[in-house]
Amino acid sequence: MNTEYLTLNEIRTIGFEALLRELGPVGAIRFIQQYETGRGNYTRDRRKWLPKKSVLEIGRQIIKERQSKSK
């Protein structure tokens, strides 16, 4: 099948039919649920749990880790 000339809606329909055929209704829904948009503000939240380091500090840490692994 040449999908180059299909509309996005046709591709979506064919894709969902393939999921249903291969995974069944429950498996297809579980697969689609993996792609939900989620909640919250990831950018704001990650600033809370990631340490504040400069690019230079991160680079030094990478070099240090590589040197300790090569020994």
N, C-alpha and C. Protein backbone atom coordinates (compact mmCIF):
# COMPACT_ATOMS: atom_id res chain seq x y z
N MET A 1 0.84 -1.18 0.00
CA MET A 1 0.00 0.00 0.00
C MET A 1 0.89 1.24 0.00
N ASN A 2 0.62 2.14 -0.90
CA ASN A 2 1.37 3.39 -0.97
C ASN A 2 0.67 4.44 -0.12
N THR A 3 1.24 4.75 1.02
CA THR A 3 0.61 5.70 1.95
C THR A 3 0.96 7.15 1.62
N GLU A 4 1.77 7.35 0.62
CA GLU A 4 2.21 8.71 0.26
C GLU A 4 1.04 9.61 -0.12
N TYR A 5 -0.02 9.04 -0.70
CA TYR A 5 -1.13 9.84 -1.18
C TYR A 5 -2.36 9.77 -0.29
N LEU A 6 -2.24 9.15 0.87
CA LEU A 6 -3.37 9.07 1.79
C LEU A 6 -3.45 10.34 2.64
N THR A 7 -4.67 10.69 3.01
CA THR A 7 -4.84 11.82 3.93
C THR A 7 -4.47 11.36 5.34
N LEU A 8 -4.25 12.31 6.23
CA LEU A 8 -3.94 11.95 7.62
C LEU A 8 -5.09 11.16 8.24
N ASN A 9 -6.31 11.50 7.89
CA ASN A 9 -7.46 10.77 8.44
C ASN A 9 -7.47 9.33 7.93
N GLU A 10 -7.14 9.12 6.66
CA GLU A 10 -7.09 7.76 6.11
C GLU A 10 -5.98 6.95 6.78
N ILE A 11 -4.82 7.57 6.99
CA ILE A 11 -3.72 6.87 7.67
C ILE A 11 -4.12 6.51 9.09
N ARG A 12 -4.78 7.43 9.79
CA ARG A 12 -5.22 7.17 11.16
C ARG A 12 -6.20 6.00 11.20
N THR A 13 -7.15 5.98 10.26
CA THR A 13 -8.15 4.91 10.20
C THR A 13 -7.50 3.56 9.91
N ILE A 14 -6.62 3.52 8.93
CA ILE A 14 -5.93 2.27 8.58
C ILE A 14 -5.06 1.80 9.74
N GLY A 15 -4.38 2.75 10.40
CA GLY A 15 -3.54 2.40 11.54
C GLY A 15 -4.35 1.82 12.69
N PHE A 16 -5.49 2.43 12.98
CA PHE A 16 -6.31 1.91 14.08
C PHE A 16 -6.88 0.54 13.72
N GLU A 17 -7.25 0.35 12.47
CA GLU A 17 -7.73 -0.97 12.04
C GLU A 17 -6.63 -2.02 12.21
N ALA A 18 -5.39 -1.66 11.91
CA ALA A 18 -4.27 -2.59 12.09
C ALA A 18 -4.07 -2.92 13.57
N LEU A 19 -4.17 -1.88 14.42
CA LEU A 19 -4.06 -2.13 15.86
C LEU A 19 -5.15 -3.08 16.34
N LEU A 20 -6.37 -2.85 15.91
CA LEU A 20 -7.48 -3.72 16.30
C LEU A 20 -7.24 -5.15 15.81
N ARG A 21 -6.79 -5.29 14.59
CA ARG A 21 -6.56 -6.62 14.02
C ARG A 21 -5.45 -7.36 14.76
N GLU A 22 -4.36 -6.66 15.07
CA GLU A 22 -3.19 -7.31 15.68
C GLU A 22 -3.28 -7.43 17.20
N LEU A 23 -3.88 -6.44 17.86
CA LEU A 23 -3.90 -6.42 19.32
C LEU A 23 -5.26 -6.69 19.93
N GLY A 24 -6.31 -6.61 19.13
CA GLY A 24 -7.65 -6.74 19.67
C GLY A 24 -8.08 -5.41 20.29
N PRO A 25 -9.36 -5.29 20.64
CA PRO A 25 -9.87 -4.02 21.15
C PRO A 25 -9.17 -3.54 22.43
N VAL A 26 -8.98 -4.43 23.37
CA VAL A 26 -8.36 -4.03 24.64
C VAL A 26 -6.90 -3.63 24.43
N GLY A 27 -6.16 -4.42 23.68
CA GLY A 27 -4.76 -4.11 23.42
C GLY A 27 -4.60 -2.81 22.64
N ALA A 28 -5.50 -2.57 21.67
CA ALA A 28 -5.43 -1.34 20.88
C ALA A 28 -5.65 -0.12 21.77
N ILE A 29 -6.64 -0.19 22.64
CA ILE A 29 -6.91 0.93 23.55
C ILE A 29 -5.74 1.14 24.50
N ARG A 30 -5.19 0.06 25.04
CA ARG A 30 -4.04 0.19 25.95
C ARG A 30 -2.85 0.84 25.23
N PHE A 31 -2.65 0.48 23.96
CA PHE A 31 -1.57 1.07 23.18
C PHE A 31 -1.78 2.58 23.02
N ILE A 32 -2.99 2.97 22.66
CA ILE A 32 -3.28 4.39 22.45
C ILE A 32 -3.18 5.18 23.75
N GLN A 33 -3.53 4.57 24.86
CA GLN A 33 -3.46 5.27 26.15
C GLN A 33 -2.03 5.65 26.53
N GLN A 34 -1.04 5.01 25.95
CA GLN A 34 0.35 5.35 26.22
C GLN A 34 0.70 6.74 25.73
N TYR A 35 -0.08 7.29 24.83
CA TYR A 35 0.24 8.56 24.19
C TYR A 35 -0.63 9.71 24.66
N GLU A 36 -1.18 9.59 25.86
CA GLU A 36 -1.97 10.70 26.38
C GLU A 36 -1.05 11.88 26.69
N THR A 37 -1.59 13.06 26.71
CA THR A 37 -0.77 14.25 26.86
C THR A 37 -0.25 14.46 28.27
N GLY A 38 -0.86 13.86 29.25
CA GLY A 38 -0.39 14.01 30.62
C GLY A 38 -0.90 15.30 31.25
N ARG A 39 -0.40 15.58 32.44
CA ARG A 39 -0.86 16.75 33.19
C ARG A 39 0.33 17.48 33.77
N GLY A 40 0.10 18.72 34.14
CA GLY A 40 1.14 19.48 34.82
C GLY A 40 2.04 20.23 33.85
N ASN A 41 3.08 20.80 34.43
CA ASN A 41 4.04 21.58 33.66
C ASN A 41 5.41 20.94 33.86
N TYR A 42 5.82 20.10 32.91
CA TYR A 42 7.05 19.34 33.05
C TYR A 42 8.26 20.26 33.21
N THR A 43 8.31 21.32 32.43
CA THR A 43 9.47 22.22 32.48
C THR A 43 9.62 22.83 33.86
N ARG A 44 8.53 23.32 34.42
CA ARG A 44 8.57 23.92 35.76
C ARG A 44 8.91 22.86 36.81
N ASP A 45 8.30 21.70 36.70
CA ASP A 45 8.50 20.64 37.71
C ASP A 45 9.93 20.10 37.68
N ARG A 46 10.50 19.94 36.50
CA ARG A 46 11.85 19.36 36.43
C ARG A 46 12.88 20.31 37.03
N ARG A 47 12.62 21.60 36.99
CA ARG A 47 13.54 22.55 37.61
C ARG A 47 13.60 22.34 39.13
N LYS A 48 12.52 21.81 39.69
CA LYS A 48 12.47 21.56 41.14
C LYS A 48 13.34 20.36 41.52
N TRP A 49 13.35 19.31 40.70
CA TRP A 49 14.06 18.09 41.10
C TRP A 49 15.41 17.91 40.43
N LEU A 50 15.73 18.71 39.41
CA LEU A 50 17.07 18.62 38.83
C LEU A 50 18.01 19.59 39.53
N PRO A 51 19.24 19.16 39.78
CA PRO A 51 20.20 20.08 40.41
C PRO A 51 20.55 21.21 39.45
N LYS A 52 20.80 22.37 40.01
CA LYS A 52 21.16 23.52 39.19
C LYS A 52 22.66 23.47 38.93
N LYS A 53 23.04 23.11 37.72
CA LYS A 53 24.45 23.00 37.34
C LYS A 53 24.66 23.74 36.03
N SER A 54 25.84 24.32 35.89
CA SER A 54 26.18 24.97 34.64
C SER A 54 26.63 23.92 33.63
N VAL A 55 26.70 24.33 32.37
CA VAL A 55 27.17 23.42 31.32
C VAL A 55 28.60 22.98 31.62
N LEU A 56 29.40 23.90 32.13
CA LEU A 56 30.79 23.58 32.48
C LEU A 56 30.84 22.50 33.57
N GLU A 57 29.99 22.63 34.59
CA GLU A 57 29.96 21.63 35.67
C GLU A 57 29.53 20.27 35.13
N ILE A 58 28.55 20.27 34.27
CA ILE A 58 28.07 19.01 33.69
C ILE A 58 29.17 18.37 32.85
N GLY A 59 29.87 19.17 32.06
CA GLY A 59 30.98 18.66 31.25
C GLY A 59 32.07 18.04 32.11
N ARG A 60 32.43 18.72 33.20
CA ARG A 60 33.45 18.18 34.11
C ARG A 60 33.01 16.86 34.72
N GLN A 61 31.73 16.79 35.07
CA GLN A 61 31.20 15.56 35.66
C GLN A 61 31.26 14.41 34.65
N ILE A 62 30.95 14.69 33.39
CA ILE A 62 31.00 13.66 32.35
C ILE A 62 32.44 13.15 32.18
N ILE A 63 33.39 14.08 32.12
CA ILE A 63 34.81 13.69 31.99
C ILE A 63 35.23 12.84 33.17
N LYS A 64 34.85 13.24 34.37
CA LYS A 64 35.20 12.50 35.57
C LYS A 64 34.62 11.08 35.54
N GLU A 65 33.35 10.95 35.13
CA GLU A 65 32.70 9.64 35.05
C GLU A 65 33.39 8.75 34.01
N ARG A 66 33.73 9.32 32.86
CA ARG A 66 34.39 8.54 31.81
C ARG A 66 35.77 8.07 32.27
N GLN A 67 36.50 8.93 32.98
CA GLN A 67 37.82 8.55 33.45
C GLN A 67 37.72 7.43 34.50
N SER A 68 36.73 7.50 35.37
CA SER A 68 36.60 6.46 36.40
C SER A 68 36.17 5.13 35.80
N LYS A 69 35.42 5.16 34.69
CA LYS A 69 34.99 3.92 34.04
C LYS A 69 36.08 3.28 33.21
N SER A 70 37.04 4.08 32.74
CA SER A 70 38.10 3.53 31.90
C SER A 70 39.22 2.91 32.72
N LYS A 71 39.19 3.09 34.03
CA LYS A 71 40.26 2.53 34.88
C LYS A 71 39.98 1.11 35.23
